[in-house]
Every structure is written in C-alpha cells, then in structure tokens.
C-alpha cells in the first residue's frame, strides 16, 4: 500500500516538474497534452510493484497512447531532481532483482 502511494506521489511530482519544464520550452497546449498523457499512466501504478500481476488492458492502452517524447523528456527531467535538491543521484543497480 505504501509503495502505491509512493509511486503515485512520484508520478504526480514528475508530471508537475515536467509541466514546468515544458511550459518553458513548449506552448501551454503542448505542456497540457504532456501532463494529460502522463496522468493517464496512473492506471499502471498497481503493476509497477515487485511481484505484481501482469498489466491490465487499461494500463497497456495508456502506455500505448502516451507520447513517447513527453515520457522520455519527463524521465530525463526527473533524473535531475536529486541534484537540484543537493542529493546524490538515484542509483537503481540491483533493484531490478526484486522483480
């Protein structure tokens, strides 16, 4: 339950950060489209946990419909957040073994 809350918080934070960055780089309409596209991935949260069931049809449809440029830019932007908070980069090596 806590992991779902954390994942949801990360998604929301990522959307907010991405929206701010896109506002600086793109039109407001593009930023809104990106935020909506990323928000649609919330249905995938239950499937992003170690030991989770396979993704639902809704999750797969949301993933298929997400703008790939928006998604990749958001991950790039989100990876900068720790440095902006004077924290070390997040290291994920070894965590994939939990899957």
PDB file of N, CA and C in Angstrom:
ATOM      1  N   UNK A   1       0.831  -1.196   0.000  1.00  0.00           N
ATOM      2  CA  UNK A   1       0.000   0.000   0.000  1.00  0.00           C
ATOM      3  C   UNK A   1       0.868   1.249   0.000  1.00  0.00           C
ATOM      4  N   UNK A   2       1.918   1.243   0.830  1.00  0.00           N
ATOM      5  CA  UNK A   2       2.806   2.397   0.893  1.00  0.00           C
ATOM      6  C   UNK A   2       3.498   2.589  -0.442  1.00  0.00           C
ATOM      7  N   UNK A   3       3.915   1.500  -1.096  1.00  0.00           N
ATOM      8  CA  UNK A   3       4.598   1.600  -2.382  1.00  0.00           C
ATOM      9  C   UNK A   3       3.686   2.224  -3.431  1.00  0.00           C
ATOM     10  N   UNK A   4       2.394   1.898  -3.405  1.00  0.00           N
ATOM     11  CA  UNK A   4       1.463   2.501  -4.345  1.00  0.00           C
ATOM     12  C   UNK A   4       1.368   4.001  -4.113  1.00  0.00           C
ATOM     13  N   UNK A   5       1.346   4.391  -2.856  1.00  0.00           N
ATOM     14  CA  UNK A   5       1.288   5.815  -2.530  1.00  0.00           C
ATOM     15  C   UNK A   5       2.550   6.516  -2.976  1.00  0.00           C
ATOM     16  N   UNK A   6       3.696   5.881  -2.761  1.00  0.00           N
ATOM     17  CA  UNK A   6       4.963   6.467  -3.182  1.00  0.00           C
ATOM     18  C   UNK A   6       5.006   6.581  -4.695  1.00  0.00           C
ATOM     19  N   UNK A   7       4.597   5.535  -5.388  1.00  0.00           N
ATOM     20  CA  UNK A   7       4.593   5.573  -6.850  1.00  0.00           C
ATOM     21  C   UNK A   7       3.675   6.690  -7.342  1.00  0.00           C
ATOM     22  N   UNK A   8       2.504   6.811  -6.766  1.00  0.00           N
ATOM     23  CA  UNK A   8       1.576   7.865  -7.160  1.00  0.00           C
ATOM     24  C   UNK A   8       2.166   9.237  -6.926  1.00  0.00           C
ATOM     25  N   UNK A   9       2.843   9.399  -5.798  1.00  0.00           N
ATOM     26  CA  UNK A   9       3.493  10.674  -5.492  1.00  0.00           C
ATOM     27  C   UNK A   9       4.589  10.979  -6.499  1.00  0.00           C
ATOM     28  N   UNK A  10       5.377   9.959  -6.862  1.00  0.00           N
ATOM     29  CA  UNK A  10       6.440  10.150  -7.854  1.00  0.00           C
ATOM     30  C   UNK A  10       5.843  10.544  -9.196  1.00  0.00           C
ATOM     31  N   UNK A  11       4.769   9.892  -9.592  1.00  0.00           N
ATOM     32  CA  UNK A  11       4.130  10.226 -10.864  1.00  0.00           C
ATOM     33  C   UNK A  11       3.618  11.662 -10.842  1.00  0.00           C
ATOM     34  N   UNK A  12       2.956  12.045  -9.771  1.00  0.00           N
ATOM     35  CA  UNK A  12       2.424  13.410  -9.674  1.00  0.00           C
ATOM     36  C   UNK A  12       3.556  14.425  -9.670  1.00  0.00           C
ATOM     37  N   UNK A  13       4.609  14.164  -8.890  1.00  0.00           N
ATOM     38  CA  UNK A  13       5.749  15.069  -8.852  1.00  0.00           C
ATOM     39  C   UNK A  13       6.398  15.187 -10.220  1.00  0.00           C
ATOM     40  N   UNK A  14       6.547  14.069 -10.880  1.00  0.00           N
ATOM     41  CA  UNK A  14       7.146  14.070 -12.212  1.00  0.00           C
ATOM     42  C   UNK A  14       6.308  14.865 -13.190  1.00  0.00           C
ATOM     43  N   UNK A  15       5.003  14.705 -13.122  1.00  0.00           N
ATOM     44  CA  UNK A  15       4.117  15.462 -14.004  1.00  0.00           C
ATOM     45  C   UNK A  15       4.239  16.955 -13.736  1.00  0.00           C
ATOM     46  N   UNK A  16       4.274  17.343 -12.472  1.00  0.00           N
ATOM     47  CA  UNK A  16       4.382  18.765 -12.129  1.00  0.00           C
ATOM     48  C   UNK A  16       5.699  19.340 -12.624  1.00  0.00           C
ATOM     49  N   UNK A  17       6.794  18.626 -12.392  1.00  0.00           N
ATOM     50  CA  UNK A  17       8.105  19.098 -12.844  1.00  0.00           C
ATOM     51  C   UNK A  17       8.137  19.170 -14.363  1.00  0.00           C
ATOM     52  N   UNK A  18       7.651  18.136 -15.004  1.00  0.00           N
ATOM     53  CA  UNK A  18       7.650  18.124 -16.466  1.00  0.00           C
ATOM     54  C   UNK A  18       6.806  19.256 -17.014  1.00  0.00           C
ATOM     55  N   UNK A  19       5.693  19.496 -16.400  1.00  0.00           N
ATOM     56  CA  UNK A  19       4.828  20.566 -16.883  1.00  0.00           C
ATOM     57  C   UNK A  19       5.549  21.901 -16.792  1.00  0.00           C
ATOM     58  N   UNK A  20       6.250  22.150 -15.715  1.00  0.00           N
ATOM     59  CA  UNK A  20       7.001  23.396 -15.579  1.00  0.00           C
ATOM     60  C   UNK A  20       8.087  23.514 -16.626  1.00  0.00           C
ATOM     61  N   UNK A  21       8.793  22.425 -16.879  1.00  0.00           N
ATOM     62  CA  UNK A  21       9.844  22.440 -17.889  1.00  0.00           C
ATOM     63  C   UNK A  21       9.266  22.627 -19.283  1.00  0.00           C
ATOM     64  N   UNK A  22       8.169  21.955 -19.569  1.00  0.00           N
ATOM     65  CA  UNK A  22       7.566  22.081 -20.889  1.00  0.00           C
ATOM     66  C   UNK A  22       6.998  23.474 -21.112  1.00  0.00           C
ATOM     67  N   UNK A  23       6.506  24.084 -20.047  1.00  0.00           N
ATOM     68  CA  UNK A  23       5.996  25.443 -20.179  1.00  0.00           C
ATOM     69  C   UNK A  23       7.113  26.365 -20.644  1.00  0.00           C
ATOM     70  N   UNK A  24       8.324  26.107 -20.162  1.00  0.00           N
ATOM     71  CA  UNK A  24       9.455  26.940 -20.555  1.00  0.00           C
ATOM     72  C   UNK A  24       9.903  26.643 -21.981  1.00  0.00           C
ATOM     73  N   UNK A  25       9.684  25.417 -22.458  1.00  0.00           N
ATOM     74  CA  UNK A  25      10.202  25.012 -23.754  1.00  0.00           C
ATOM     75  C   UNK A  25       9.141  24.979 -24.845  1.00  0.00           C
ATOM     76  N   UNK A  26       7.925  24.697 -24.505  1.00  0.00           N
ATOM     77  CA  UNK A  26       6.883  24.488 -25.493  1.00  0.00           C
ATOM     78  C   UNK A  26       5.686  25.373 -25.177  1.00  0.00           C
ATOM     79  N   UNK A  27       4.710  25.269 -26.018  1.00  0.00           N
ATOM     80  CA  UNK A  27       3.491  26.034 -25.791  1.00  0.00           C
ATOM     81  C   UNK A  27       2.717  25.444 -24.614  1.00  0.00           C
ATOM     82  N   UNK A  28       1.811  26.230 -24.091  1.00  0.00           N
ATOM     83  CA  UNK A  28       0.979  25.759 -22.979  1.00  0.00           C
ATOM     84  C   UNK A  28       0.152  24.551 -23.400  1.00  0.00           C
ATOM     85  N   UNK A  29      -0.316  24.548 -24.634  1.00  0.00           N
ATOM     86  CA  UNK A  29      -1.115  23.411 -25.116  1.00  0.00           C
ATOM     87  C   UNK A  29      -0.291  22.131 -25.123  1.00  0.00           C
ATOM     88  N   UNK A  30       0.966  22.212 -25.544  1.00  0.00           N
ATOM     89  CA  UNK A  30       1.829  21.030 -25.562  1.00  0.00           C
ATOM     90  C   UNK A  30       2.094  20.535 -24.149  1.00  0.00           C
ATOM     91  N   UNK A  31       2.305  21.459 -23.216  1.00  0.00           N
ATOM     92  CA  UNK A  31       2.547  21.076 -21.826  1.00  0.00           C
ATOM     93  C   UNK A  31       1.328  20.394 -21.234  1.00  0.00           C
ATOM     94  N   UNK A  32       0.147  20.904 -21.522  1.00  0.00           N
ATOM     95  CA  UNK A  32      -1.089  20.309 -21.013  1.00  0.00           C
ATOM     96  C   UNK A  32      -1.293  18.914 -21.586  1.00  0.00           C
ATOM     97  N   UNK A  33      -0.996  18.756 -22.883  1.00  0.00           N
ATOM     98  CA  UNK A  33      -1.123  17.448 -23.529  1.00  0.00           C
ATOM     99  C   UNK A  33      -0.174  16.446 -22.889  1.00  0.00           C
ATOM    100  N   UNK A  34       1.052  16.889 -22.626  1.00  0.00           N
ATOM    101  CA  UNK A  34       2.032  16.002 -22.000  1.00  0.00           C
ATOM    102  C   UNK A  34       1.565  15.603 -20.601  1.00  0.00           C
ATOM    103  N   UNK A  35       1.117  16.547 -19.816  1.00  0.00           N
ATOM    104  CA  UNK A  35       0.650  16.245 -18.461  1.00  0.00           C
ATOM    105  C   UNK A  35      -0.510  15.264 -18.487  1.00  0.00           C
ATOM    106  N   UNK A  36      -1.444  15.465 -19.396  1.00  0.00           N
ATOM    107  CA  UNK A  36      -2.591  14.556 -19.503  1.00  0.00           C
ATOM    108  C   UNK A  36      -2.137  13.169 -19.920  1.00  0.00           C
ATOM    109  N   UNK A  37      -1.200  13.125 -20.848  1.00  0.00           N
ATOM    110  CA  UNK A  37      -0.678  11.847 -21.323  1.00  0.00           C
ATOM    111  C   UNK A  37      -0.024  11.082 -20.177  1.00  0.00           C
ATOM    112  N   UNK A  38       0.791  11.762 -19.385  1.00  0.00           N
ATOM    113  CA  UNK A  38       1.456  11.111 -18.252  1.00  0.00           C
ATOM    114  C   UNK A  38       0.466  10.719 -17.161  1.00  0.00           C
ATOM    115  N   UNK A  39      -0.524  11.565 -16.920  1.00  0.00           N
ATOM    116  CA  UNK A  39      -1.522  11.261 -15.887  1.00  0.00           C
ATOM    117  C   UNK A  39      -2.294   9.995 -16.225  1.00  0.00           C
ATOM    118  N   UNK A  40      -2.449   9.712 -17.513  1.00  0.00           N
ATOM    119  CA  UNK A  40      -3.183   8.502 -17.908  1.00  0.00           C
ATOM    120  C   UNK A  40      -2.456   7.238 -17.461  1.00  0.00           C
ATOM    121  N   UNK A  41      -1.160   7.345 -17.162  1.00  0.00           N
ATOM    122  CA  UNK A  41      -0.387   6.178 -16.729  1.00  0.00           C
ATOM    123  C   UNK A  41      -0.650   5.789 -15.278  1.00  0.00           C
ATOM    124  N   UNK A  42      -1.421   6.577 -14.551  1.00  0.00           N
ATOM    125  CA  UNK A  42      -1.734   6.240 -13.159  1.00  0.00           C
ATOM    126  C   UNK A  42      -2.403   4.873 -13.046  1.00  0.00           C
ATOM    127  N   UNK A  43      -3.107   4.440 -14.088  1.00  0.00           N
ATOM    128  CA  UNK A  43      -3.746   3.122 -14.040  1.00  0.00           C
ATOM    129  C   UNK A  43      -2.707   2.004 -14.004  1.00  0.00           C
ATOM    130  N   UNK A  44      -1.446   2.328 -14.320  1.00  0.00           N
ATOM    131  CA  UNK A  44      -0.375   1.322 -14.319  1.00  0.00           C
ATOM    132  C   UNK A  44       0.306   1.179 -12.956  1.00  0.00           C
ATOM    133  N   UNK A  45       0.009   2.066 -12.022  1.00  0.00           N
ATOM    134  CA  UNK A  45       0.676   2.050 -10.717  1.00  0.00           C
ATOM    135  C   UNK A  45       0.626   0.686 -10.020  1.00  0.00           C
ATOM    136  N   UNK A  46      -0.505  -0.004 -10.003  1.00  0.00           N
ATOM    137  CA  UNK A  46      -0.528  -1.297  -9.302  1.00  0.00           C
ATOM    138  C   UNK A  46       0.364  -2.355  -9.936  1.00  0.00           C
ATOM    139  N   UNK A  47       0.763  -2.153 -11.184  1.00  0.00           N
ATOM    140  CA  UNK A  47       1.547  -3.152 -11.903  1.00  0.00           C
ATOM    141  C   UNK A  47       3.036  -2.817 -11.905  1.00  0.00           C
ATOM    142  N   UNK A  48       3.416  -1.723 -11.249  1.00  0.00           N
ATOM    143  CA  UNK A  48       4.812  -1.279 -11.208  1.00  0.00           C
ATOM    144  C   UNK A  48       5.474  -1.679  -9.905  1.00  0.00           C
ATOM    145  N   UNK A  49       4.953  -2.688  -9.252  1.00  0.00           N
ATOM    146  CA  UNK A  49       5.472  -3.151  -7.977  1.00  0.00           C
ATOM    147  C   UNK A  49       6.078  -4.543  -8.146  1.00  0.00           C
ATOM    148  N   UNK A  50       7.126  -4.844  -7.401  1.00  0.00           N
ATOM    149  CA  UNK A  50       7.676  -6.200  -7.455  1.00  0.00           C
ATOM    150  C   UNK A  50       6.608  -7.234  -7.128  1.00  0.00           C
ATOM    151  N   UNK A  51       6.530  -8.271  -7.929  1.00  0.00           N
ATOM    152  CA  UNK A  51       5.569  -9.340  -7.707  1.00  0.00           C
ATOM    153  C   UNK A  51       4.164  -9.029  -8.172  1.00  0.00           C
ATOM    154  N   UNK A  52       3.977  -7.912  -8.856  1.00  0.00           N
ATOM    155  CA  UNK A  52       2.638  -7.514  -9.315  1.00  0.00           C
ATOM    156  C   UNK A  52       2.168  -8.421 -10.446  1.00  0.00           C
ATOM    157  N   UNK A  53       0.871  -8.446 -10.606  1.00  0.00           N
ATOM    158  CA  UNK A  53       0.258  -9.187 -11.709  1.00  0.00           C
ATOM    159  C   UNK A  53       0.616  -8.504 -13.030  1.00  0.00           C
ATOM    160  N   UNK A  54       0.413  -9.189 -14.141  1.00  0.00           N
ATOM    161  CA  UNK A  54       0.638  -8.549 -15.437  1.00  0.00           C
ATOM    162  C   UNK A  54      -0.269  -7.329 -15.589  1.00  0.00           C
ATOM    163  N   UNK A  55       0.159  -6.346 -16.380  1.00  0.00           N
ATOM    164  CA  UNK A  55      -0.638  -5.121 -16.514  1.00  0.00           C
ATOM    165  C   UNK A  55      -2.011  -5.390 -17.119  1.00  0.00           C
ATOM    166  N   UNK A  56      -2.956  -4.556 -16.725  1.00  0.00           N
ATOM    167  CA  UNK A  56      -4.323  -4.667 -17.236  1.00  0.00           C
ATOM    168  C   UNK A  56      -4.390  -4.109 -18.658  1.00  0.00           C
ATOM    169  N   UNK A  57      -5.495  -4.357 -19.298  1.00  0.00           N
ATOM    170  CA  UNK A  57      -5.721  -3.815 -20.644  1.00  0.00           C
ATOM    171  C   UNK A  57      -5.731  -2.289 -20.602  1.00  0.00           C
ATOM    172  N   UNK A  58      -6.282  -1.714 -19.526  1.00  0.00           N
ATOM    173  CA  UNK A  58      -6.298  -0.255 -19.392  1.00  0.00           C
ATOM    174  C   UNK A  58      -4.882   0.303 -19.297  1.00  0.00           C
ATOM    175  N   UNK A  59      -4.029  -0.363 -18.550  1.00  0.00           N
ATOM    176  CA  UNK A  59      -2.644   0.076 -18.419  1.00  0.00           C
ATOM    177  C   UNK A  59      -1.943  -0.011 -19.771  1.00  0.00           C
ATOM    178  N   UNK A  60      -2.112  -1.114 -20.452  1.00  0.00           N
ATOM    179  CA  UNK A  60      -1.469  -1.289 -21.757  1.00  0.00           C
ATOM    180  C   UNK A  60      -1.953  -0.237 -22.753  1.00  0.00           C
ATOM    181  N   UNK A  61      -3.230   0.075 -22.723  1.00  0.00           N
ATOM    182  CA  UNK A  61      -3.776   1.099 -23.619  1.00  0.00           C
ATOM    183  C   UNK A  61      -3.195   2.471 -23.271  1.00  0.00           C
ATOM    184  N   UNK A  62      -3.071   2.766 -21.976  1.00  0.00           N
ATOM    185  CA  UNK A  62      -2.499   4.052 -21.554  1.00  0.00           C
ATOM    186  C   UNK A  62      -1.045   4.151 -21.990  1.00  0.00           C
ATOM    187  N   UNK A  63      -0.306   3.070 -21.835  1.00  0.00           N
ATOM    188  CA  UNK A  63       1.095   3.064 -22.232  1.00  0.00           C
ATOM    189  C   UNK A  63       1.239   3.214 -23.745  1.00  0.00           C
ATOM    190  N   UNK A  64       0.357   2.575 -24.467  1.00  0.00           N
ATOM    191  CA  UNK A  64       0.390   2.690 -25.922  1.00  0.00           C
ATOM    192  C   UNK A  64       0.066   4.113 -26.367  1.00  0.00           C
ATOM    193  N   UNK A  65      -0.797   4.792 -25.622  1.00  0.00           N
ATOM    194  CA  UNK A  65      -1.236   6.119 -26.008  1.00  0.00           C
ATOM    195  C   UNK A  65      -0.350   7.255 -25.522  1.00  0.00           C
ATOM    196  N   UNK A  66       0.608   6.966 -24.625  1.00  0.00           N
ATOM    197  CA  UNK A  66       1.444   8.045 -24.086  1.00  0.00           C
ATOM    198  C   UNK A  66       2.393   8.549 -25.173  1.00  0.00           C
ATOM    199  N   UNK A  67       2.608   9.845 -25.175  1.00  0.00           N
ATOM    200  CA  UNK A  67       3.544  10.457 -26.118  1.00  0.00           C
ATOM    201  C   UNK A  67       4.956  10.071 -25.693  1.00  0.00           C
ATOM    202  N   UNK A  68       5.661   9.379 -26.565  1.00  0.00           N
ATOM    203  CA  UNK A  68       6.977   8.848 -26.199  1.00  0.00           C
ATOM    204  C   UNK A  68       7.979   9.965 -25.920  1.00  0.00           C
ATOM    205  N   UNK A  69       7.934  11.035 -26.683  1.00  0.00           N
ATOM    206  CA  UNK A  69       8.828  12.170 -26.442  1.00  0.00           C
ATOM    207  C   UNK A  69       8.568  12.789 -25.088  1.00  0.00           C
ATOM    208  N   UNK A  70       7.315  12.959 -24.762  1.00  0.00           N
ATOM    209  CA  UNK A  70       6.915  13.513 -23.468  1.00  0.00           C
ATOM    210  C   UNK A  70       7.398  12.607 -22.341  1.00  0.00           C
ATOM    211  N   UNK A  71       7.191  11.320 -22.486  1.00  0.00           N
ATOM    212  CA  UNK A  71       7.575  10.349 -21.466  1.00  0.00           C
ATOM    213  C   UNK A  71       9.088  10.368 -21.247  1.00  0.00           C
ATOM    214  N   UNK A  72       9.854  10.331 -22.323  1.00  0.00           N
ATOM    215  CA  UNK A  72      11.319  10.314 -22.210  1.00  0.00           C
ATOM    216  C   UNK A  72      11.851  11.631 -21.663  1.00  0.00           C
ATOM    217  N   UNK A  73      11.294  12.738 -22.109  1.00  0.00           N
ATOM    218  CA  UNK A  73      11.707  14.038 -21.574  1.00  0.00           C
ATOM    219  C   UNK A  73      11.414  14.126 -20.089  1.00  0.00           C
ATOM    220  N   UNK A  74      10.293  13.590 -19.665  1.00  0.00           N
ATOM    221  CA  UNK A  74       9.921  13.613 -18.254  1.00  0.00           C
ATOM    222  C   UNK A  74      10.902  12.802 -17.420  1.00  0.00           C
ATOM    223  N   UNK A  75      11.289  11.633 -17.908  1.00  0.00           N
ATOM    224  CA  UNK A  75      12.272  10.826 -17.183  1.00  0.00           C
ATOM    225  C   UNK A  75      13.612  11.549 -17.106  1.00  0.00           C
ATOM    226  N   UNK A  76      14.002  12.204 -18.186  1.00  0.00           N
ATOM    227  CA  UNK A  76      15.259  12.956 -18.202  1.00  0.00           C
ATOM    228  C   UNK A  76      15.198  14.087 -17.182  1.00  0.00           C
ATOM    229  N   UNK A  77      14.096  14.811 -17.182  1.00  0.00           N
ATOM    230  CA  UNK A  77      13.919  15.926 -16.251  1.00  0.00           C
ATOM    231  C   UNK A  77      13.878  15.416 -14.808  1.00  0.00           C
ATOM    232  N   UNK A  78      13.139  14.339 -14.573  1.00  0.00           N
ATOM    233  CA  UNK A  78      13.013  13.786 -13.217  1.00  0.00           C
ATOM    234  C   UNK A  78      14.357  13.304 -12.682  1.00  0.00           C
ATOM    235  N   UNK A  79      15.216  12.833 -13.565  1.00  0.00           N
ATOM    236  CA  UNK A  79      16.527  12.353 -13.113  1.00  0.00           C
ATOM    237  C   UNK A  79      17.400  13.484 -12.589  1.00  0.00           C
ATOM    238  N   UNK A  80      17.059  14.715 -12.902  1.00  0.00           N
ATOM    239  CA  UNK A  80      17.821  15.877 -12.430  1.00  0.00           C
ATOM    240  C   UNK A  80      17.368  16.363 -11.046  1.00  0.00           C
ATOM    241  N   UNK A  81      16.219  15.934 -10.591  1.00  0.00           N
ATOM    242  CA  UNK A  81      15.663  16.442  -9.338  1.00  0.00           C
ATOM    243  C   UNK A  81      16.599  16.215  -8.146  1.00  0.00           C
ATOM    244  N   UNK A  82      17.182  15.024  -7.963  1.00  0.00           N
ATOM    245  CA  UNK A  82      18.065  14.861  -6.793  1.00  0.00           C
ATOM    246  C   UNK A  82      19.198  15.891  -6.758  1.00  0.00           C
ATOM    247  N   UNK A  83      19.831  16.154  -7.888  1.00  0.00           N
ATOM    248  CA  UNK A  83      20.922  17.137  -7.921  1.00  0.00           C
ATOM    249  C   UNK A  83      20.416  18.522  -7.554  1.00  0.00           C
ATOM    250  N   UNK A  84      19.214  18.854  -7.984  1.00  0.00           N
ATOM    251  CA  UNK A  84      18.644  20.159  -7.665  1.00  0.00           C
ATOM    252  C   UNK A  84      18.296  20.270  -6.183  1.00  0.00           C
ATOM    253  N   UNK A  85      18.164  19.136  -5.523  1.00  0.00           N
ATOM    254  CA  UNK A  85      17.893  19.105  -4.074  1.00  0.00           C
ATOM    255  C   UNK A  85      19.188  18.863  -3.282  1.00  0.00           C
ATOM    256  N   UNK A  86      20.335  18.961  -3.972  1.00  0.00           N
ATOM    257  CA  UNK A  86      21.644  18.704  -3.353  1.00  0.00           C
ATOM    258  C   UNK A  86      21.729  17.300  -2.768  1.00  0.00           C
ATOM    259  N   UNK A  87      21.173  16.339  -3.494  1.00  0.00           N
ATOM    260  CA  UNK A  87      21.215  14.933  -3.105  1.00  0.00           C
ATOM    261  C   UNK A  87      22.003  14.158  -4.155  1.00  0.00           C
ATOM    262  N   UNK A  88      22.547  12.998  -3.781  1.00  0.00           N
ATOM    263  CA  UNK A  88      23.248  12.190  -4.786  1.00  0.00           C
ATOM    264  C   UNK A  88      22.234  11.626  -5.789  1.00  0.00           C
ATOM    265  N   UNK A  89      22.715  11.275  -6.973  1.00  0.00           N
ATOM    266  CA  UNK A  89      21.805  10.693  -7.965  1.00  0.00           C
ATOM    267  C   UNK A  89      21.191   9.393  -7.431  1.00  0.00           C
ATOM    268  N   UNK A  90      19.984   9.117  -7.882  1.00  0.00           N
ATOM    269  CA  UNK A  90      19.352   7.847  -7.518  1.00  0.00           C
ATOM    270  C   UNK A  90      20.051   6.727  -8.280  1.00  0.00           C
ATOM    271  N   UNK A  91      20.440   5.703  -7.578  1.00  0.00           N
ATOM    272  CA  UNK A  91      21.084   4.546  -8.201  1.00  0.00           C
ATOM    273  C   UNK A  91      20.122   3.367  -8.113  1.00  0.00           C
ATOM    274  N   UNK A  92      19.849   2.781  -9.227  1.00  0.00           N
ATOM    275  CA  UNK A  92      18.876   1.688  -9.267  1.00  0.00           C
ATOM    276  C   UNK A  92      19.531   0.332  -9.492  1.00  0.00           C
ATOM    277  N   UNK A  93      20.835   0.261  -9.595  1.00  0.00           N
ATOM    278  CA  UNK A  93      21.523  -1.015  -9.812  1.00  0.00           C
ATOM    279  C   UNK A  93      21.152  -1.991  -8.708  1.00  0.00           C
ATOM    280  N   UNK A  94      20.767  -3.170  -9.099  1.00  0.00           N
ATOM    281  CA  UNK A  94      20.404  -4.203  -8.141  1.00  0.00           C
ATOM    282  C   UNK A  94      18.928  -4.227  -7.788  1.00  0.00           C
ATOM    283  N   UNK A  95      18.234  -3.124  -7.922  1.00  0.00           N
ATOM    284  CA  UNK A  95      16.813  -3.087  -7.579  1.00  0.00           C
ATOM    285  C   UNK A  95      15.997  -3.927  -8.539  1.00  0.00           C
ATOM    286  N   UNK A  96      16.456  -4.073  -9.784  1.00  0.00           N
ATOM    287  CA  UNK A  96      15.708  -4.855 -10.765  1.00  0.00           C
ATOM    288  C   UNK A  96      15.614  -6.312 -10.359  1.00  0.00           C
ATOM    289  N   UNK A  97      16.496  -6.768  -9.455  1.00  0.00           N
ATOM    290  CA  UNK A  97      16.444  -8.152  -8.981  1.00  0.00           C
ATOM    291  C   UNK A  97      15.206  -8.431  -8.167  1.00  0.00           C
ATOM    292  N   UNK A  98      14.530  -7.382  -7.694  1.00  0.00           N
ATOM    293  CA  UNK A  98      13.314  -7.584  -6.905  1.00  0.00           C
ATOM    294  C   UNK A  98      12.131  -7.994  -7.761  1.00  0.00           C
ATOM    295  N   UNK A  99      12.256  -7.797  -9.061  1.00  0.00           N
ATOM    296  CA  UNK A  99      11.119  -8.081  -9.954  1.00  0.00           C
ATOM    297  C   UNK A  99      10.919  -9.562 -10.169  1.00  0.00           C
TER     298      UNK A  99
END
